[in-house]
Protein backbone atom coordinates (compact mmCIF):
# COMPACT_ATOMS: atom_id res chain seq x y z
CA MET A 1 47.74 -92.12 5.36
CA GLN A 2 44.91 -90.84 3.19
CA LYS A 3 45.08 -87.52 5.08
CA TYR A 4 48.23 -86.75 3.06
CA GLU A 5 46.55 -87.03 -0.33
CA HIS A 6 45.60 -83.38 -0.80
CA ALA A 7 49.24 -82.28 -0.37
CA PHE A 8 49.93 -83.70 -3.86
CA GLY A 9 49.24 -80.72 -6.13
CA LYS A 10 49.53 -79.82 -9.80
CA ASN A 11 53.17 -78.67 -9.71
CA ASP A 12 54.58 -80.16 -6.51
CA ILE A 13 53.76 -81.57 -3.07
CA ARG A 14 53.03 -78.85 -0.51
CA GLY A 15 51.25 -78.20 2.77
CA ILE A 16 51.56 -77.30 6.44
CA TYR A 17 54.31 -79.17 8.26
CA GLY A 18 53.00 -81.58 10.89
CA GLU A 19 49.58 -81.77 9.25
CA ASP A 20 49.86 -82.20 5.48
CA ILE A 21 53.64 -82.75 5.40
CA THR A 22 55.45 -85.19 7.75
CA GLU A 23 58.58 -87.33 7.98
CA GLU A 24 56.49 -90.50 7.62
CA GLN A 25 55.05 -89.14 4.38
CA PHE A 26 58.46 -88.17 2.95
CA TYR A 27 59.94 -91.57 3.86
CA ASN A 28 57.18 -93.19 1.83
CA ILE A 29 57.43 -90.75 -1.05
CA GLY A 30 60.99 -92.06 -1.41
CA PHE A 31 59.49 -95.48 -2.20
CA GLY A 32 56.77 -94.07 -4.44
CA TYR A 33 59.11 -91.89 -6.49
CA ILE A 34 61.65 -94.67 -7.03
CA SER A 35 58.95 -97.19 -7.98
CA TRP A 36 57.55 -94.68 -10.47
CA LEU A 37 61.01 -93.79 -11.80
CA THR A 38 61.98 -97.40 -12.50
CA LYS A 39 58.83 -97.75 -14.60
CA GLN A 40 59.87 -94.74 -16.67
CA ASN A 41 63.48 -95.63 -17.49
CA GLY A 42 63.64 -99.40 -16.93
CA LYS A 43 66.53 -99.19 -14.45
CA GLN A 44 66.70 -101.05 -11.19
CA PRO A 45 66.68 -98.91 -7.99
CA SER A 46 70.34 -99.80 -7.35
CA GLU A 47 71.25 -98.30 -10.74
CA LEU A 48 69.54 -94.94 -10.14
CA LYS A 49 71.37 -91.73 -9.28
CA ILE A 50 69.32 -89.20 -7.31
CA SER A 51 70.12 -85.78 -5.81
CA VAL A 52 68.43 -84.20 -2.79
CA CYS A 53 68.57 -80.61 -1.57
CA MET A 54 66.44 -78.42 0.67
CA ASP A 55 65.42 -74.88 1.49
CA ALA A 56 66.11 -73.12 4.78
CA ARG A 57 62.90 -74.00 6.64
CA LEU A 58 63.39 -75.25 10.17
CA HIS A 59 61.84 -78.66 9.41
CA SER A 60 63.52 -79.21 6.03
CA ASN A 61 66.47 -81.12 7.49
CA SER A 62 64.37 -83.74 9.30
CA LEU A 63 62.23 -84.16 6.19
CA LYS A 64 65.39 -84.58 4.12
CA GLN A 65 66.69 -87.30 6.44
CA ALA A 66 63.39 -89.18 6.23
CA LEU A 67 63.34 -88.86 2.44
CA ILE A 68 66.91 -90.13 2.06
CA ASN A 69 66.11 -93.04 4.37
CA GLY A 70 63.16 -93.89 2.13
CA LEU A 71 65.37 -93.76 -0.97
CA ILE A 72 67.92 -96.05 0.68
CA ASP A 73 65.28 -98.56 1.77
CA ALA A 74 63.84 -98.45 -1.76
CA GLY A 75 67.23 -99.71 -2.98
CA VAL A 76 69.00 -96.55 -4.19
CA LYS A 77 72.77 -96.65 -3.75
CA HIS A 78 73.86 -93.37 -5.36
CA ILE A 79 72.43 -90.32 -3.53
CA GLU A 80 73.90 -86.81 -3.61
CA ASP A 81 72.90 -84.55 -0.72
CA TYR A 82 73.57 -80.85 -1.40
CA GLY A 83 72.16 -79.54 1.88
CA ILE A 84 70.64 -76.04 1.72
CA ALA A 85 70.58 -75.00 -1.93
CA PRO A 86 68.26 -73.30 -4.44
CA SER A 87 65.74 -75.49 -6.25
CA PRO A 88 67.53 -74.70 -9.54
CA ILE A 89 70.69 -76.31 -8.13
CA GLY A 90 68.70 -79.53 -7.88
CA TYR A 91 67.53 -79.13 -11.47
CA TYR A 92 71.08 -78.25 -12.57
CA SER A 93 72.48 -81.41 -10.96
CA GLU A 94 70.49 -83.66 -13.27
CA PHE A 95 72.35 -82.11 -16.23
CA ALA A 96 75.76 -81.56 -14.63
CA HIS A 97 76.06 -84.94 -12.88
CA ASN A 98 74.06 -87.05 -15.33
CA LEU A 99 71.48 -88.04 -12.72
CA ASP A 100 68.16 -89.83 -13.10
CA GLY A 101 66.24 -87.35 -10.97
CA ALA A 102 66.35 -84.60 -8.35
CA MET A 103 64.22 -84.11 -5.24
CA VAL A 104 63.99 -80.62 -3.72
CA ILE A 105 62.47 -80.08 -0.28
CA THR A 106 60.85 -76.64 -0.35
CA ALA A 107 57.63 -74.69 -0.03
CA SER A 108 59.00 -71.88 -2.20
CA HIS A 109 57.48 -68.53 -1.14
CA ASN A 110 54.92 -69.95 1.31
CA PRO A 111 55.01 -68.93 5.00
CA SER A 112 57.44 -70.67 7.35
CA GLU A 113 54.93 -73.25 8.62
CA TYR A 114 54.72 -74.79 5.12
CA ASN A 115 56.99 -77.29 3.43
CA GLY A 116 56.89 -79.48 0.35
CA LEU A 117 58.71 -81.36 -2.38
CA LYS A 118 59.56 -80.85 -6.04
CA MET A 119 60.71 -83.78 -8.18
CA THR A 120 62.31 -84.07 -11.60
CA TYR A 121 62.65 -86.68 -14.32
CA ASN A 122 64.14 -86.44 -17.80
CA HIS A 123 65.33 -82.86 -17.16
CA GLN A 124 61.84 -81.60 -16.28
CA THR A 125 59.94 -81.09 -13.05
CA LEU A 126 57.09 -83.58 -12.77
CA ASN A 127 53.80 -82.39 -14.24
CA GLU A 128 50.33 -82.85 -12.78
CA SER A 129 49.71 -86.34 -14.17
CA GLN A 130 53.17 -87.56 -13.16
CA ILE A 131 52.73 -86.28 -9.59
CA LYS A 132 49.43 -88.13 -9.46
CA GLU A 133 51.19 -91.33 -10.53
CA VAL A 134 53.86 -90.89 -7.83
CA LYS A 135 51.06 -90.40 -5.30
CA GLU A 136 49.43 -93.65 -6.37
CA GLU A 137 52.74 -95.53 -6.06
CA THR A 138 53.40 -93.97 -2.66
CA PHE A 139 50.12 -95.07 -1.12
CA LYS A 140 50.26 -98.49 -2.79
CA LEU A 141 53.68 -99.20 -1.25
CA TRP A 142 53.16 -97.48 2.14
CA LYS A 143 55.70 -98.73 4.71
CA GLU A 144 56.21 -98.37 8.43
CA PHE A 145 58.37 -95.29 8.98
CA LYS A 146 61.99 -96.00 9.92
CA SER A 147 64.39 -93.26 10.98
CA HIS A 148 67.64 -95.30 10.75
CA SER A 149 69.25 -92.68 12.99
CA ALA A 150 71.59 -95.23 14.61
CA VAL A 151 72.32 -97.22 11.45
CA ILE A 152 73.05 -94.97 8.47
CA ASN A 153 75.49 -92.05 8.43
CA LEU A 154 73.84 -89.56 6.07
CA ASN A 155 77.08 -87.54 5.96
CA ASN A 156 78.33 -90.18 3.52
CA PHE A 157 76.01 -88.74 0.88
CA LYS A 158 77.06 -85.08 1.15
CA VAL A 159 78.33 -83.52 -2.08
CA GLU A 160 79.50 -79.93 -2.71
CA ILE A 161 77.91 -78.70 -5.94
CA ILE A 162 77.54 -74.93 -5.37
CA PRO A 163 81.26 -74.15 -6.05
CA GLU A 164 80.93 -76.18 -9.26
CA TYR A 165 77.81 -74.20 -10.27
CA ILE A 166 79.53 -70.87 -9.57
CA ALA A 167 82.59 -71.93 -11.60
CA ASP A 168 80.31 -72.95 -14.48
CA MET A 169 78.52 -69.58 -14.45
CA LYS A 170 81.84 -67.74 -14.19
CA GLN A 171 83.00 -69.56 -17.32
CA ARG A 172 79.77 -68.67 -19.11
CA PHE A 173 79.70 -64.97 -18.21
CA GLY A 174 83.35 -64.11 -17.58
CA ASN A 175 83.78 -60.65 -16.04
CA ILE A 176 80.58 -59.23 -17.56
CA GLY A 177 79.53 -57.52 -14.32
CA LYS A 178 82.54 -55.21 -14.13
CA GLY A 179 81.31 -51.67 -13.51
CA VAL A 180 77.80 -52.82 -12.49
CA LYS A 181 76.64 -52.12 -8.94
CA ILE A 182 73.79 -54.24 -7.59
CA VAL A 183 71.87 -54.84 -4.39
CA VAL A 184 70.84 -58.48 -3.78
CA ASP A 185 67.99 -59.37 -1.39
CA SER A 186 67.93 -63.12 -0.73
CA ALA A 187 65.06 -62.84 1.80
CA ASN A 188 66.83 -65.32 4.14
CA GLY A 189 66.07 -68.03 1.57
CA THR A 190 68.42 -70.19 -0.46
CA GLY A 191 69.66 -67.53 -2.89
CA GLY A 192 72.09 -66.13 -0.35
CA VAL A 193 74.32 -69.20 -0.52
CA VAL A 194 74.92 -68.69 -4.26
CA GLY A 195 73.83 -65.34 -5.71
CA PRO A 196 75.99 -62.69 -4.01
CA GLU A 197 79.21 -64.71 -4.38
CA LEU A 198 78.51 -65.54 -8.03
CA TYR A 199 77.74 -61.92 -8.90
CA ARG A 200 81.03 -60.83 -7.32
CA GLN A 201 82.83 -63.55 -9.30
CA ILE A 202 81.51 -62.08 -12.56
CA GLY A 203 82.72 -58.60 -11.58
CA CYS A 204 79.80 -56.84 -9.87
CA GLU A 205 79.99 -54.62 -6.84
CA VAL A 206 77.44 -56.32 -4.55
CA ILE A 207 75.53 -55.00 -1.54
CA GLU A 208 73.85 -57.90 0.29
CA LEU A 209 70.54 -57.97 2.13
CA TYR A 210 69.38 -60.94 4.21
CA SER A 211 71.77 -63.50 2.72
CA GLU A 212 71.83 -65.78 5.76
CA PRO A 213 69.39 -68.70 5.31
CA ASP A 214 66.75 -68.58 8.05
CA GLY A 215 63.56 -70.56 7.67
CA ARG A 216 61.67 -68.18 9.95
CA PHE A 217 62.07 -65.45 7.28
CA PRO A 218 62.57 -62.80 10.00
CA ASN A 219 62.98 -59.77 7.75
CA HIS A 220 60.20 -60.17 5.20
CA HIS A 221 58.18 -62.74 3.30
CA PRO A 222 60.27 -64.37 0.49
CA ASN A 223 58.03 -63.45 -2.45
CA PRO A 224 59.38 -60.79 -4.85
CA SER A 225 56.17 -60.66 -6.89
CA VAL A 226 54.53 -59.01 -3.85
CA PHE A 227 56.05 -55.55 -4.11
CA SER A 228 55.58 -54.76 -0.42
CA THR A 229 58.32 -57.34 0.31
CA LEU A 230 60.80 -55.28 -1.74
CA LYS A 231 60.71 -52.06 0.32
CA ASP A 232 64.17 -52.55 1.81
CA LEU A 233 65.64 -53.48 -1.58
CA CYS A 234 64.10 -50.43 -3.25
CA LYS A 235 65.48 -48.12 -0.55
CA HIS A 236 68.99 -49.58 -0.77
CA VAL A 237 69.06 -49.34 -4.57
CA ILE A 238 68.33 -45.62 -4.31
CA ASP A 239 70.62 -44.97 -1.33
CA GLU A 240 73.53 -46.90 -2.85
CA LYS A 241 72.97 -45.45 -6.34
CA ALA A 242 72.97 -49.00 -7.68
CA ASP A 243 72.32 -50.00 -11.28
CA LEU A 244 69.62 -52.47 -10.21
CA GLY A 245 68.31 -54.60 -7.38
CA ILE A 246 67.81 -58.37 -7.57
CA ALA A 247 65.48 -60.34 -5.28
CA PHE A 248 64.87 -64.08 -4.94
CA ASP A 249 61.93 -66.01 -3.59
CA GLY A 250 62.39 -68.69 -0.90
CA ASP A 251 63.83 -71.37 -3.18
CA SER A 252 65.35 -69.04 -5.80
CA ASP A 253 63.45 -70.13 -8.88
CA ARG A 254 61.71 -66.72 -9.21
CA ILE A 255 63.43 -63.39 -9.68
CA GLY A 256 62.39 -59.84 -8.85
CA VAL A 257 64.19 -56.81 -10.28
CA VAL A 258 64.17 -53.18 -9.10
CA ASP A 259 65.26 -50.34 -11.40
CA THR A 260 67.59 -47.44 -10.52
CA LYS A 261 64.65 -45.33 -9.32
CA GLY A 262 63.66 -48.01 -6.83
CA ASN A 263 60.66 -49.23 -8.82
CA PRO A 264 59.96 -53.00 -8.91
CA MET A 265 59.30 -54.53 -12.31
CA THR A 266 56.52 -56.97 -13.11
CA GLY A 267 57.39 -60.28 -14.74
CA ASP A 268 56.16 -59.22 -18.18
CA LYS A 269 58.52 -56.23 -18.16
CA LEU A 270 61.46 -58.47 -17.31
CA LEU A 271 60.46 -60.89 -20.03
CA LEU A 272 60.35 -58.18 -22.70
CA ILE A 273 63.85 -57.03 -21.72
CA TYR A 274 65.17 -60.57 -21.97
CA ALA A 275 63.28 -61.26 -25.20
CA LEU A 276 64.50 -58.18 -27.06
CA ASP A 277 68.07 -58.93 -25.99
CA ILE A 278 67.84 -62.47 -27.39
CA ILE A 279 66.19 -61.25 -30.60
CA ASN A 280 68.92 -58.63 -30.99
CA SER A 281 71.55 -61.37 -30.69
CA LEU A 282 69.96 -64.17 -32.71
CA GLY A 283 67.55 -62.48 -35.12
CA THR A 284 63.80 -62.86 -35.42
CA ASP A 285 63.52 -66.64 -35.71
CA VAL A 286 62.71 -66.76 -32.00
CA ASN A 287 59.65 -68.00 -30.11
CA VAL A 288 58.82 -66.54 -26.68
CA VAL A 289 56.13 -68.08 -24.46
CA SER A 290 54.22 -66.30 -21.72
CA GLU A 291 50.85 -66.34 -19.97
CA VAL A 292 47.45 -64.69 -20.25
CA LYS A 293 48.03 -62.23 -17.39
CA CYS A 294 50.90 -60.46 -19.16
CA SER A 295 50.68 -57.03 -20.76
CA GLN A 296 49.60 -56.79 -24.39
CA VAL A 297 52.74 -54.63 -24.81
CA LEU A 298 54.87 -57.75 -24.33
CA TYR A 299 53.14 -59.64 -27.13
CA ASP A 300 52.88 -56.68 -29.50
CA LYS A 301 56.50 -55.53 -29.16
CA ILE A 302 57.90 -59.02 -29.68
CA ASN A 303 55.67 -59.62 -32.71
CA GLU A 304 56.59 -56.22 -34.16
CA THR A 305 60.23 -57.37 -34.41
CA GLY A 306 59.19 -60.34 -36.54
CA ALA A 307 59.71 -62.83 -33.72
CA HIS A 308 56.79 -64.79 -32.27
CA ALA A 309 55.12 -64.21 -28.90
CA ILE A 310 53.00 -67.18 -27.86
CA MET A 311 50.31 -66.95 -25.18
CA CYS A 312 49.43 -69.90 -22.95
CA LYS A 313 47.74 -70.73 -19.66
CA THR A 314 49.06 -69.37 -16.39
CA GLY A 315 51.34 -71.80 -14.55
CA HIS A 316 54.98 -72.68 -15.02
CA GLY A 317 54.05 -76.26 -15.96
CA TYR A 318 52.03 -74.95 -18.92
CA ILE A 319 54.85 -72.55 -19.87
CA LYS A 320 57.41 -75.37 -19.97
CA GLU A 321 55.14 -77.66 -21.98
CA LYS A 322 54.40 -74.91 -24.51
CA MET A 323 58.11 -74.06 -24.80
CA LYS A 324 58.90 -77.68 -25.57
CA GLU A 325 56.05 -77.89 -28.08
CA THR A 326 57.10 -74.70 -29.93
CA GLY A 327 60.88 -74.86 -29.53
CA ALA A 328 60.83 -71.53 -27.70
CA LEU A 329 64.12 -70.12 -26.45
CA LEU A 330 62.52 -68.09 -23.66
CA GLY A 331 59.46 -68.31 -21.46
CA GLY A 332 58.17 -66.63 -18.35
CA GLU A 333 55.23 -65.50 -16.29
CA MET A 334 54.16 -62.58 -14.14
CA SER A 335 55.40 -64.18 -10.92
CA GLY A 336 59.06 -64.04 -12.03
CA HIS A 337 59.56 -67.63 -13.22
CA THR A 338 61.86 -67.22 -16.24
CA PHE A 339 62.99 -70.10 -18.46
CA PHE A 340 66.07 -69.71 -20.68
CA LYS A 341 66.59 -72.32 -23.36
CA ASP A 342 68.99 -69.87 -25.04
CA ARG A 343 72.50 -70.62 -23.70
CA TYR A 344 71.03 -72.62 -20.80
CA TYR A 345 69.00 -75.71 -19.93
CA GLY A 346 65.46 -74.34 -20.03
CA PHE A 347 64.50 -74.50 -16.34
CA ASP A 348 63.62 -71.57 -14.06
CA ASP A 349 66.76 -70.35 -12.26
CA ALA A 350 66.55 -66.90 -10.66
CA VAL A 351 70.30 -66.73 -9.98
CA TYR A 352 71.03 -67.40 -13.65
CA ALA A 353 68.31 -64.92 -14.69
CA GLY A 354 70.12 -62.35 -12.55
CA CYS A 355 73.32 -62.99 -14.54
CA ARG A 356 71.44 -62.39 -17.78
CA MET A 357 70.01 -59.11 -16.48
CA ILE A 358 73.46 -57.99 -15.29
CA GLU A 359 74.82 -58.83 -18.75
CA ILE A 360 72.12 -56.69 -20.41
CA VAL A 361 72.85 -53.73 -18.12
CA SER A 362 76.59 -54.10 -18.70
CA LYS A 363 76.27 -54.14 -22.50
CA ASN A 364 74.09 -51.05 -22.44
CA LYS A 365 76.40 -49.20 -20.03
CA GLU A 366 79.35 -49.95 -22.28
CA ALA A 367 77.52 -48.25 -25.15
CA ASN A 368 76.16 -45.43 -22.95
CA PRO A 369 77.70 -44.78 -19.50
CA ASN A 370 74.53 -42.90 -18.50
CA PHE A 371 72.30 -45.89 -19.24
CA ARG A 372 69.55 -46.73 -16.77
CA ILE A 373 67.63 -50.00 -16.90
CA GLU A 374 64.25 -48.24 -16.87
CA GLN A 375 65.07 -46.87 -20.33
CA LEU A 376 64.27 -50.36 -21.64
CA LEU A 377 60.72 -50.08 -20.31
CA LYS A 378 59.52 -47.14 -22.42
CA PRO A 379 57.02 -49.27 -24.41
CA PHE A 380 55.07 -49.75 -21.18
CA ASP A 381 54.69 -45.97 -20.83
CA GLU A 382 52.14 -46.14 -23.66
CA VAL A 383 49.56 -47.98 -21.52
CA TYR A 384 48.03 -47.94 -18.04
CA THR A 385 47.89 -51.33 -16.29
CA SER A 386 45.98 -52.15 -13.13
CA SER A 387 47.38 -54.16 -10.29
CA GLU A 388 46.08 -57.72 -10.01
CA VAL A 389 42.57 -57.87 -8.55
CA ARG A 390 41.52 -60.94 -6.54
CA TYR A 391 37.74 -61.30 -6.63
CA PRO A 392 36.31 -63.82 -4.11
CA CYS A 393 34.08 -66.56 -5.52
CA PRO A 394 33.15 -69.95 -4.05
CA ASN A 395 34.86 -72.77 -5.96
CA GLU A 396 31.53 -74.42 -6.77
CA LEU A 397 30.32 -71.23 -8.51
CA LYS A 398 33.46 -70.47 -10.54
CA LYS A 399 32.45 -72.35 -13.67
CA SER A 400 28.91 -70.95 -13.83
CA THR A 401 30.14 -67.44 -13.03
CA LEU A 402 32.64 -67.52 -15.87
CA GLU A 403 30.00 -68.83 -18.27
CA TYR A 404 27.71 -65.97 -17.22
CA VAL A 405 30.44 -63.40 -17.98
CA LYS A 406 31.06 -64.96 -21.39
CA GLU A 407 27.33 -64.84 -22.16
CA GLN A 408 27.06 -61.21 -21.06
CA VAL A 409 29.99 -60.18 -23.26
CA LYS A 410 28.53 -62.08 -26.21
CA ASN A 411 25.11 -60.46 -25.84
CA ASN A 412 26.41 -57.00 -24.88
CA PRO A 413 29.63 -56.37 -26.85
CA ASP A 414 29.59 -52.69 -25.80
CA ILE A 415 29.61 -53.56 -22.10
CA PHE A 416 33.17 -52.22 -21.64
CA GLY A 417 32.65 -49.04 -23.65
CA SER A 418 35.40 -49.92 -26.14
CA LYS A 419 35.39 -52.04 -29.29
CA ILE A 420 36.37 -55.66 -28.69
CA GLU A 421 39.18 -56.71 -31.05
CA ASP A 422 39.53 -60.33 -29.92
CA ILE A 423 38.51 -62.79 -27.17
CA VAL A 424 41.01 -65.38 -25.92
CA THR A 425 39.55 -68.27 -23.91
CA LEU A 426 42.52 -70.60 -23.39
CA ASP A 427 42.63 -69.73 -19.66
CA GLY A 428 39.51 -67.95 -18.45
CA MET A 429 38.67 -65.02 -20.71
CA ARG A 430 40.97 -62.29 -22.03
CA ILE A 431 38.95 -59.62 -23.86
CA VAL A 432 41.31 -57.65 -26.10
CA PHE A 433 40.74 -54.01 -27.07
CA LYS A 434 42.92 -51.67 -29.09
CA GLY A 435 45.66 -50.81 -26.60
CA GLY A 436 44.47 -53.03 -23.79
CA PHE A 437 42.54 -55.96 -22.35
CA ALA A 438 40.27 -57.15 -19.55
CA LEU A 439 41.13 -60.54 -18.03
CA ILE A 440 39.22 -62.91 -15.80
CA ARG A 441 40.62 -66.33 -14.86
CA GLN A 442 39.89 -68.68 -12.00
CA SER A 443 42.57 -69.50 -9.48
CA ASN A 444 43.59 -73.16 -9.43
CA THR A 445 44.28 -73.11 -5.68
CA GLU A 446 42.01 -70.53 -4.03
CA PRO A 447 38.30 -69.52 -4.12
CA VAL A 448 38.99 -66.38 -6.16
CA PHE A 449 39.04 -65.03 -9.68
CA THR A 450 42.16 -63.22 -10.84
CA LEU A 451 41.34 -60.00 -12.71
CA ARG A 452 43.73 -57.71 -14.59
CA PHE A 453 43.12 -54.73 -16.84
CA GLU A 454 45.16 -52.66 -19.27
CA ALA A 455 44.15 -49.66 -21.35
CA ASN A 456 45.35 -46.52 -23.10
CA ASN A 457 44.82 -44.47 -19.94
CA GLU A 458 43.72 -44.80 -16.32
CA ASP A 459 40.09 -43.78 -16.92
CA GLU A 460 39.62 -46.41 -19.61
CA CYS A 461 41.31 -49.02 -17.43
CA ASN A 462 38.98 -48.23 -14.52
CA ARG A 463 36.01 -48.47 -16.89
CA PHE A 464 37.05 -52.00 -17.89
CA LYS A 465 37.50 -52.91 -14.24
CA ASP A 466 34.14 -51.47 -13.13
CA ALA A 467 32.29 -53.24 -15.95
CA MET A 468 33.82 -56.61 -15.10
CA ILE A 469 33.20 -56.31 -11.37
CA SER A 470 29.60 -55.14 -11.93
CA CYS A 471 29.00 -58.20 -14.07
CA LEU A 472 30.43 -60.49 -11.39
CA ASP A 473 28.51 -58.76 -8.60
CA ALA A 474 25.23 -59.18 -10.50
CA PHE A 475 25.66 -62.92 -10.98
CA LEU A 476 26.85 -63.69 -7.46
CA LYS A 477 24.02 -61.61 -5.98
CA LEU A 478 21.54 -63.74 -7.90
CA ASN A 479 23.21 -66.92 -6.59
CA ALA A 480 23.88 -65.83 -3.01
């Protein structure tokens, strides 16, 4: 059973099905999670109320059956099985049905051979330390796997929650989408069972792409932060003369948006649109949290209004913790995770985020029928931003490499050819210049550094990039 240990990660449990992820493992996680949960809230297993849902992967159903069997054998009586549904539906259920926790079987945007599990408690997904505690309970209580196929009818646990969610959103947003034309690409993930119907319910004209759940992901990879996956969406937005395109990742907790010209937006651009809309509605007593990879434009424009832009480490767990600490009404990261505490529950829900973007477009079109969403992105025209650079580095050399870069910058402050205004070291190193930055941070999951650069123009941006890569090359050559 120790072979399953490395599947327990910082934000969830994830790995290749049949190797890292199996039915035996999920059956036992049912015991581990319930044992851990009873220690948190003092309830007996028979008093707990747990929901389970899954993504569209071909092995999700058998994993779900094993997990539910584990929950039953652990003593849980009240289980709600939502079938194929977005991860945010699982999170939503804890609020809407007053549950003790939700378990979501998904590997998000990973390829089809992967699967995994997300868990919640106290209206939050489990953080790194909590996942570690569940792992310890799981292995301590490890049981012989039982399928119960001839004993328990799992149909008894099925509950329809998606119509309830759609009705709730309809009540929140009314007919706000009237006059807004959108294209929705669900990437054969879970978004297709909710998004298109909801957007029609709130008044939009909707053109659907790949709404049918299919765990093979036959049309394209379900990851909207990789712009190459949005080619079909971009084309249809242009061809259909739509107001915007909306894309979901595999489990619909991350959103991608395409403007009327067919250009995909990065997560920091989306976040600025959302932030300025909230500030316009509520005033400047607003905190917004985002990560070190985001454009300096995001932070500067929010701060210029009198509101507060707060930078934190990359990772949605860090975003959520910082939002809770600061009372922020909005948070988000480059990958498209967006957290609304304003008028919502604070978790990342791409379908809900789509409603908020539709609402923003609708309000602007009402004031100006010729409005185009890209008009809200003019602040980003003032800078040139590189794409994300992934620089290979062995894991064992990451720490020393980063220390070398810090030392070089300290001893050679003119290394980038521009005056350094500030250095932020909360997650790697973000060197801030007037009108830009150079970022280096180590990946938590892969043997690479993530690099990103922003400047007043392309030449300056390339100069930052060349200086950083030269510094890295020099150190790794010495340590080859």
